[in-house]
Amino acid sequence: MSKKDKPYLRVVRDTDRLTGKQEAFAQQVAKGSVLSDAYREAYNAENMKDKTIWEEACKLAQHPKVSARIKSIQADMETDRRMIALRREEYVLRRLQEEAEGADTSSSKIRALELLGKTTGLFADKTIIENGDNDKTAEQLEDEIAERLAALISD
Protein backbone atom coordinates (compact mmCIF):
# COMPACT_ATOMS: atom_id res chain seq x y z
CA MET A 1 0.00 0.00 0.00
CA SER A 2 1.50 3.29 -1.05
CA LYS A 3 1.57 6.37 1.12
CA LYS A 4 -1.20 7.97 -0.96
CA ASP A 5 -3.52 4.97 -0.54
CA LYS A 6 -3.38 5.01 3.26
CA PRO A 7 -6.38 6.61 4.96
CA TYR A 8 -5.78 9.75 6.94
CA LEU A 9 -6.01 9.01 10.61
CA ARG A 10 -5.89 11.57 13.36
CA VAL A 11 -4.86 10.61 16.84
CA VAL A 12 -7.08 12.18 19.45
CA ARG A 13 -5.08 13.00 22.52
CA ASP A 14 -6.37 13.81 25.94
CA THR A 15 -5.04 17.31 25.36
CA ASP A 16 -7.65 17.69 22.58
CA ARG A 17 -10.55 17.11 24.96
CA LEU A 18 -12.13 19.44 27.44
CA THR A 19 -12.00 18.72 31.13
CA GLY A 20 -15.24 17.82 32.86
CA LYS A 21 -15.53 21.30 34.32
CA GLN A 22 -14.84 22.95 30.95
CA GLU A 23 -17.50 20.75 29.34
CA ALA A 24 -20.01 21.61 32.09
CA PHE A 25 -19.23 25.32 31.60
CA ALA A 26 -19.67 25.01 27.82
CA GLN A 27 -22.98 23.19 28.26
CA GLN A 28 -24.33 25.89 30.58
CA VAL A 29 -23.23 28.75 28.30
CA ALA A 30 -24.69 27.03 25.24
CA LYS A 31 -28.02 26.71 27.05
CA GLY A 32 -28.04 30.47 27.64
CA SER A 33 -26.53 30.92 31.08
CA VAL A 34 -24.57 34.06 31.87
CA LEU A 35 -20.83 33.36 31.86
CA SER A 36 -20.40 34.03 35.56
CA ASP A 37 -23.37 31.81 36.48
CA ALA A 38 -22.06 29.02 34.25
CA TYR A 39 -18.66 29.35 35.90
CA ARG A 40 -20.17 29.16 39.39
CA GLU A 41 -22.14 26.08 38.33
CA ALA A 42 -19.14 24.26 36.84
CA TYR A 43 -16.38 25.28 39.23
CA ASN A 44 -16.02 25.57 42.98
CA ALA A 45 -16.29 29.33 43.24
CA GLU A 46 -17.67 29.74 46.77
CA ASN A 47 -14.65 31.59 48.11
CA MET A 48 -14.02 33.63 44.97
CA LYS A 49 -14.88 37.31 44.60
CA ASP A 50 -17.38 38.28 41.91
CA LYS A 51 -14.70 40.17 40.00
CA THR A 52 -12.48 37.10 39.91
CA ILE A 53 -15.35 34.91 38.76
CA TRP A 54 -16.18 37.32 35.94
CA GLU A 55 -12.56 37.46 34.82
CA GLU A 56 -12.09 33.68 34.94
CA ALA A 57 -15.40 33.04 33.19
CA CYS A 58 -14.45 35.47 30.43
CA LYS A 59 -11.02 33.86 30.01
CA LEU A 60 -12.57 30.41 29.91
CA ALA A 61 -15.17 31.43 27.32
CA GLN A 62 -12.37 32.80 25.12
CA HIS A 63 -10.34 29.60 25.35
CA PRO A 64 -10.24 28.22 21.78
CA LYS A 65 -11.37 24.70 22.66
CA VAL A 66 -14.12 25.90 24.99
CA SER A 67 -15.48 28.49 22.56
CA ALA A 68 -15.43 25.90 19.75
CA ARG A 69 -17.35 23.48 21.97
CA ILE A 70 -19.93 26.14 22.86
CA LYS A 71 -20.50 26.83 19.16
CA SER A 72 -20.73 23.12 18.45
CA ILE A 73 -23.33 22.58 21.17
CA GLN A 74 -25.35 25.57 19.97
CA ALA A 75 -25.24 24.27 16.39
CA ASP A 76 -26.46 20.86 17.58
CA MET A 77 -29.27 22.49 19.57
CA GLU A 78 -30.31 24.53 16.52
CA THR A 79 -30.31 21.42 14.34
CA ASP A 80 -32.47 19.61 16.90
CA ARG A 81 -34.87 22.56 17.08
CA ARG A 82 -35.21 22.63 13.29
CA MET A 83 -35.80 18.89 13.09
CA ILE A 84 -38.53 19.07 15.73
CA ALA A 85 -40.21 21.94 13.87
CA LEU A 86 -39.97 20.04 10.59
CA ARG A 87 -41.49 16.90 12.11
CA ARG A 88 -44.29 18.96 13.65
CA GLU A 89 -44.99 20.63 10.32
CA GLU A 90 -45.07 17.28 8.51
CA TYR A 91 -47.46 15.90 11.13
CA VAL A 92 -49.86 18.84 10.79
CA LEU A 93 -49.81 18.69 7.00
CA ARG A 94 -50.41 14.93 7.01
CA ARG A 95 -53.34 15.34 9.42
CA LEU A 96 -54.82 18.16 7.32
CA GLN A 97 -54.57 16.01 4.21
CA GLU A 98 -56.27 13.12 6.00
CA GLU A 99 -59.01 15.50 7.16
CA ALA A 100 -59.47 16.91 3.65
CA GLU A 101 -59.81 13.40 2.20
CA GLY A 102 -61.94 11.81 4.91
CA ALA A 103 -64.00 14.57 6.51
CA ASP A 104 -67.70 13.95 7.04
CA THR A 105 -68.85 17.44 6.13
CA SER A 106 -68.06 19.65 3.18
CA SER A 107 -67.15 22.56 5.43
CA SER A 108 -64.50 20.45 7.19
CA LYS A 109 -63.04 19.39 3.85
CA ILE A 110 -63.00 22.95 2.57
CA ARG A 111 -61.37 24.28 5.74
CA ALA A 112 -58.67 21.58 5.66
CA LEU A 113 -57.99 22.30 1.99
CA GLU A 114 -57.85 26.03 2.71
CA LEU A 115 -55.27 25.49 5.46
CA LEU A 116 -53.23 23.23 3.17
CA GLY A 117 -53.37 25.90 0.49
CA LYS A 118 -52.16 28.54 2.91
CA THR A 119 -49.08 26.47 3.73
CA THR A 120 -48.04 26.69 0.08
CA GLY A 121 -48.81 30.40 -0.16
CA LEU A 122 -51.78 29.79 -2.42
CA PHE A 123 -53.99 32.28 -0.60
CA ALA A 124 -51.34 34.74 0.59
CA ASP A 125 -51.88 38.44 0.12
CA LYS A 126 -49.27 39.77 -2.23
CA THR A 127 -47.97 43.30 -2.15
CA ILE A 128 -46.20 44.65 -5.18
CA ILE A 129 -43.67 47.31 -4.40
CA GLU A 130 -42.73 49.52 -7.27
CA ASN A 131 -39.13 50.52 -7.13
CA GLY A 132 -39.20 53.54 -9.42
CA ASP A 133 -36.73 56.36 -9.46
CA ASN A 134 -34.42 56.06 -6.50
CA ASP A 135 -32.64 59.28 -7.26
CA LYS A 136 -35.48 61.70 -6.40
CA THR A 137 -34.74 64.69 -4.26
CA ALA A 138 -36.47 65.30 -0.96
CA GLU A 139 -38.57 68.06 -2.54
CA GLN A 140 -39.72 65.75 -5.34
CA LEU A 141 -40.70 63.09 -2.80
CA GLU A 142 -42.62 65.65 -0.74
CA ASP A 143 -44.48 66.86 -3.83
CA GLU A 144 -45.34 63.29 -4.83
CA ILE A 145 -46.63 62.48 -1.35
CA ALA A 146 -48.69 65.69 -1.27
CA GLU A 147 -50.24 64.82 -4.67
CA ARG A 148 -51.15 61.31 -3.53
CA LEU A 149 -52.67 62.60 -0.28
CA ALA A 150 -54.68 65.19 -2.16
CA ALA A 151 -55.97 62.49 -4.53
CA LEU A 152 -56.98 60.28 -1.59
CA ILE A 153 -58.73 63.12 0.23
CA SER A 154 -60.67 64.28 -2.84
CA ASP A 155 -62.05 60.77 -3.53
C-alpha atoms as a PDB file:
ATOM      1  CA  MET A   1       0.000   0.000   0.000  1.00  0.00           C
ATOM      2  CA  SER A   2       1.503   3.293  -1.048  1.00  0.00           C
ATOM      3  CA  LYS A   3       1.568   6.369   1.119  1.00  0.00           C
ATOM      4  CA  LYS A   4      -1.200   7.970  -0.964  1.00  0.00           C
ATOM      5  CA  ASP A   5      -3.517   4.966  -0.537  1.00  0.00           C
ATOM      6  CA  LYS A   6      -3.376   5.007   3.262  1.00  0.00           C
ATOM      7  CA  PRO A   7      -6.384   6.606   4.961  1.00  0.00           C
ATOM      8  CA  TYR A   8      -5.781   9.751   6.943  1.00  0.00           C
ATOM      9  CA  LEU A   9      -6.013   9.015  10.613  1.00  0.00           C
ATOM     10  CA  ARG A  10      -5.889  11.573  13.362  1.00  0.00           C
ATOM     11  CA  VAL A  11      -4.863  10.605  16.840  1.00  0.00           C
ATOM     12  CA  VAL A  12      -7.075  12.176  19.447  1.00  0.00           C
ATOM     13  CA  ARG A  13      -5.078  12.998  22.520  1.00  0.00           C
ATOM     14  CA  ASP A  14      -6.365  13.805  25.942  1.00  0.00           C
ATOM     15  CA  THR A  15      -5.036  17.307  25.357  1.00  0.00           C
ATOM     16  CA  ASP A  16      -7.646  17.687  22.583  1.00  0.00           C
ATOM     17  CA  ARG A  17     -10.554  17.111  24.965  1.00  0.00           C
ATOM     18  CA  LEU A  18     -12.135  19.444  27.441  1.00  0.00           C
ATOM     19  CA  THR A  19     -11.997  18.724  31.128  1.00  0.00           C
ATOM     20  CA  GLY A  20     -15.241  17.817  32.855  1.00  0.00           C
ATOM     21  CA  LYS A  21     -15.529  21.302  34.317  1.00  0.00           C
ATOM     22  CA  GLN A  22     -14.840  22.948  30.954  1.00  0.00           C
ATOM     23  CA  GLU A  23     -17.503  20.753  29.336  1.00  0.00           C
ATOM     24  CA  ALA A  24     -20.007  21.609  32.090  1.00  0.00           C
ATOM     25  CA  PHE A  25     -19.231  25.317  31.598  1.00  0.00           C
ATOM     26  CA  ALA A  26     -19.667  25.012  27.819  1.00  0.00           C
ATOM     27  CA  GLN A  27     -22.984  23.190  28.260  1.00  0.00           C
ATOM     28  CA  GLN A  28     -24.328  25.889  30.581  1.00  0.00           C
ATOM     29  CA  VAL A  29     -23.234  28.748  28.305  1.00  0.00           C
ATOM     30  CA  ALA A  30     -24.689  27.030  25.237  1.00  0.00           C
ATOM     31  CA  LYS A  31     -28.018  26.712  27.048  1.00  0.00           C
ATOM     32  CA  GLY A  32     -28.039  30.475  27.645  1.00  0.00           C
ATOM     33  CA  SER A  33     -26.531  30.922  31.084  1.00  0.00           C
ATOM     34  CA  VAL A  34     -24.574  34.058  31.866  1.00  0.00           C
ATOM     35  CA  LEU A  35     -20.832  33.359  31.855  1.00  0.00           C
ATOM     36  CA  SER A  36     -20.401  34.025  35.562  1.00  0.00           C
ATOM     37  CA  ASP A  37     -23.373  31.805  36.478  1.00  0.00           C
ATOM     38  CA  ALA A  38     -22.063  29.021  34.254  1.00  0.00           C
ATOM     39  CA  TYR A  39     -18.656  29.350  35.896  1.00  0.00           C
ATOM     40  CA  ARG A  40     -20.175  29.160  39.385  1.00  0.00           C
ATOM     41  CA  GLU A  41     -22.136  26.075  38.333  1.00  0.00           C
ATOM     42  CA  ALA A  42     -19.143  24.262  36.840  1.00  0.00           C
ATOM     43  CA  TYR A  43     -16.382  25.279  39.234  1.00  0.00           C
ATOM     44  CA  ASN A  44     -16.023  25.570  42.982  1.00  0.00           C
ATOM     45  CA  ALA A  45     -16.289  29.332  43.241  1.00  0.00           C
ATOM     46  CA  GLU A  46     -17.673  29.740  46.768  1.00  0.00           C
ATOM     47  CA  ASN A  47     -14.649  31.586  48.109  1.00  0.00           C
ATOM     48  CA  MET A  48     -14.021  33.629  44.968  1.00  0.00           C
ATOM     49  CA  LYS A  49     -14.880  37.314  44.602  1.00  0.00           C
ATOM     50  CA  ASP A  50     -17.380  38.281  41.912  1.00  0.00           C
ATOM     51  CA  LYS A  51     -14.700  40.169  39.996  1.00  0.00           C
ATOM     52  CA  THR A  52     -12.476  37.102  39.909  1.00  0.00           C
ATOM     53  CA  ILE A  53     -15.351  34.912  38.764  1.00  0.00           C
ATOM     54  CA  TRP A  54     -16.179  37.320  35.943  1.00  0.00           C
ATOM     55  CA  GLU A  55     -12.557  37.461  34.825  1.00  0.00           C
ATOM     56  CA  GLU A  56     -12.086  33.684  34.938  1.00  0.00           C
ATOM     57  CA  ALA A  57     -15.396  33.044  33.185  1.00  0.00           C
ATOM     58  CA  CYS A  58     -14.453  35.473  30.432  1.00  0.00           C
ATOM     59  CA  LYS A  59     -11.019  33.861  30.006  1.00  0.00           C
ATOM     60  CA  LEU A  60     -12.573  30.410  29.913  1.00  0.00           C
ATOM     61  CA  ALA A  61     -15.167  31.427  27.321  1.00  0.00           C
ATOM     62  CA  GLN A  62     -12.372  32.801  25.121  1.00  0.00           C
ATOM     63  CA  HIS A  63     -10.340  29.596  25.347  1.00  0.00           C
ATOM     64  CA  PRO A  64     -10.239  28.224  21.779  1.00  0.00           C
ATOM     65  CA  LYS A  65     -11.370  24.704  22.662  1.00  0.00           C
ATOM     66  CA  VAL A  66     -14.122  25.900  24.987  1.00  0.00           C
ATOM     67  CA  SER A  67     -15.482  28.485  22.557  1.00  0.00           C
ATOM     68  CA  ALA A  68     -15.430  25.900  19.748  1.00  0.00           C
ATOM     69  CA  ARG A  69     -17.346  23.480  21.965  1.00  0.00           C
ATOM     70  CA  ILE A  70     -19.930  26.138  22.858  1.00  0.00           C
ATOM     71  CA  LYS A  71     -20.495  26.831  19.162  1.00  0.00           C
ATOM     72  CA  SER A  72     -20.734  23.116  18.448  1.00  0.00           C
ATOM     73  CA  ILE A  73     -23.332  22.579  21.170  1.00  0.00           C
ATOM     74  CA  GLN A  74     -25.345  25.573  19.971  1.00  0.00           C
ATOM     75  CA  ALA A  75     -25.240  24.271  16.393  1.00  0.00           C
ATOM     76  CA  ASP A  76     -26.462  20.856  17.577  1.00  0.00           C
ATOM     77  CA  MET A  77     -29.266  22.494  19.567  1.00  0.00           C
ATOM     78  CA  GLU A  78     -30.315  24.534  16.516  1.00  0.00           C
ATOM     79  CA  THR A  79     -30.309  21.418  14.338  1.00  0.00           C
ATOM     80  CA  ASP A  80     -32.469  19.609  16.895  1.00  0.00           C
ATOM     81  CA  ARG A  81     -34.871  22.557  17.077  1.00  0.00           C
ATOM     82  CA  ARG A  82     -35.214  22.631  13.292  1.00  0.00           C
ATOM     83  CA  MET A  83     -35.798  18.886  13.090  1.00  0.00           C
ATOM     84  CA  ILE A  84     -38.532  19.069  15.731  1.00  0.00           C
ATOM     85  CA  ALA A  85     -40.214  21.940  13.870  1.00  0.00           C
ATOM     86  CA  LEU A  86     -39.974  20.039  10.586  1.00  0.00           C
ATOM     87  CA  ARG A  87     -41.494  16.900  12.106  1.00  0.00           C
ATOM     88  CA  ARG A  88     -44.287  18.958  13.654  1.00  0.00           C
ATOM     89  CA  GLU A  89     -44.991  20.633  10.318  1.00  0.00           C
ATOM     90  CA  GLU A  90     -45.075  17.276   8.512  1.00  0.00           C
ATOM     91  CA  TYR A  91     -47.463  15.900  11.128  1.00  0.00           C
ATOM     92  CA  VAL A  92     -49.861  18.841  10.788  1.00  0.00           C
ATOM     93  CA  LEU A  93     -49.811  18.693   7.004  1.00  0.00           C
ATOM     94  CA  ARG A  94     -50.409  14.925   7.010  1.00  0.00           C
ATOM     95  CA  ARG A  95     -53.341  15.336   9.421  1.00  0.00           C
ATOM     96  CA  LEU A  96     -54.825  18.162   7.315  1.00  0.00           C
ATOM     97  CA  GLN A  97     -54.567  16.014   4.210  1.00  0.00           C
ATOM     98  CA  GLU A  98     -56.273  13.120   5.997  1.00  0.00           C
ATOM     99  CA  GLU A  99     -59.010  15.501   7.157  1.00  0.00           C
ATOM    100  CA  ALA A 100     -59.466  16.906   3.655  1.00  0.00           C
ATOM    101  CA  GLU A 101     -59.814  13.401   2.202  1.00  0.00           C
ATOM    102  CA  GLY A 102     -61.937  11.812   4.912  1.00  0.00           C
ATOM    103  CA  ALA A 103     -63.999  14.569   6.509  1.00  0.00           C
ATOM    104  CA  ASP A 104     -67.697  13.948   7.043  1.00  0.00           C
ATOM    105  CA  THR A 105     -68.846  17.437   6.132  1.00  0.00           C
ATOM    106  CA  SER A 106     -68.063  19.647   3.181  1.00  0.00           C
ATOM    107  CA  SER A 107     -67.150  22.558   5.430  1.00  0.00           C
ATOM    108  CA  SER A 108     -64.498  20.447   7.193  1.00  0.00           C
ATOM    109  CA  LYS A 109     -63.039  19.389   3.849  1.00  0.00           C
ATOM    110  CA  ILE A 110     -62.997  22.949   2.569  1.00  0.00           C
ATOM    111  CA  ARG A 111     -61.370  24.278   5.742  1.00  0.00           C
ATOM    112  CA  ALA A 112     -58.670  21.576   5.658  1.00  0.00           C
ATOM    113  CA  LEU A 113     -57.985  22.301   1.991  1.00  0.00           C
ATOM    114  CA  GLU A 114     -57.854  26.029   2.711  1.00  0.00           C
ATOM    115  CA  LEU A 115     -55.268  25.491   5.455  1.00  0.00           C
ATOM    116  CA  LEU A 116     -53.228  23.229   3.175  1.00  0.00           C
ATOM    117  CA  GLY A 117     -53.371  25.898   0.486  1.00  0.00           C
ATOM    118  CA  LYS A 118     -52.161  28.544   2.912  1.00  0.00           C
ATOM    119  CA  THR A 119     -49.077  26.473   3.730  1.00  0.00           C
ATOM    120  CA  THR A 120     -48.040  26.685   0.082  1.00  0.00           C
ATOM    121  CA  GLY A 121     -48.811  30.399  -0.160  1.00  0.00           C
ATOM    122  CA  LEU A 122     -51.776  29.792  -2.423  1.00  0.00           C
ATOM    123  CA  PHE A 123     -53.993  32.280  -0.596  1.00  0.00           C
ATOM    124  CA  ALA A 124     -51.343  34.736   0.587  1.00  0.00           C
ATOM    125  CA  ASP A 125     -51.875  38.441   0.122  1.00  0.00           C
ATOM    126  CA  LYS A 126     -49.271  39.770  -2.232  1.00  0.00           C
ATOM    127  CA  THR A 127     -47.968  43.300  -2.152  1.00  0.00           C
ATOM    128  CA  ILE A 128     -46.199  44.650  -5.180  1.00  0.00           C
ATOM    129  CA  ILE A 129     -43.672  47.313  -4.395  1.00  0.00           C
ATOM    130  CA  GLU A 130     -42.734  49.521  -7.275  1.00  0.00           C
ATOM    131  CA  ASN A 131     -39.135  50.524  -7.127  1.00  0.00           C
ATOM    132  CA  GLY A 132     -39.199  53.539  -9.417  1.00  0.00           C
ATOM    133  CA  ASP A 133     -36.730  56.359  -9.459  1.00  0.00           C
ATOM    134  CA  ASN A 134     -34.418  56.057  -6.503  1.00  0.00           C
ATOM    135  CA  ASP A 135     -32.638  59.278  -7.261  1.00  0.00           C
ATOM    136  CA  LYS A 136     -35.476  61.698  -6.401  1.00  0.00           C
ATOM    137  CA  THR A 137     -34.741  64.687  -4.258  1.00  0.00           C
ATOM    138  CA  ALA A 138     -36.472  65.305  -0.958  1.00  0.00           C
ATOM    139  CA  GLU A 139     -38.570  68.063  -2.543  1.00  0.00           C
ATOM    140  CA  GLN A 140     -39.722  65.747  -5.337  1.00  0.00           C
ATOM    141  CA  LEU A 141     -40.699  63.093  -2.804  1.00  0.00           C
ATOM    142  CA  GLU A 142     -42.621  65.647  -0.738  1.00  0.00           C
ATOM    143  CA  ASP A 143     -44.477  66.857  -3.827  1.00  0.00           C
ATOM    144  CA  GLU A 144     -45.342  63.288  -4.827  1.00  0.00           C
ATOM    145  CA  ILE A 145     -46.634  62.480  -1.350  1.00  0.00           C
ATOM    146  CA  ALA A 146     -48.690  65.691  -1.274  1.00  0.00           C
ATOM    147  CA  GLU A 147     -50.244  64.817  -4.675  1.00  0.00           C
ATOM    148  CA  ARG A 148     -51.149  61.314  -3.528  1.00  0.00           C
ATOM    149  CA  LEU A 149     -52.667  62.595  -0.275  1.00  0.00           C
ATOM    150  CA  ALA A 150     -54.685  65.187  -2.162  1.00  0.00           C
ATOM    151  CA  ALA A 151     -55.969  62.490  -4.526  1.00  0.00           C
ATOM    152  CA  LEU A 152     -56.979  60.284  -1.589  1.00  0.00           C
ATOM    153  CA  ILE A 153     -58.727  63.123   0.227  1.00  0.00           C
ATOM    154  CA  SER A 154     -60.668  64.279  -2.843  1.00  0.00           C
ATOM    155  CA  ASP A 155     -62.048  60.769  -3.532  1.00  0.00           C
END
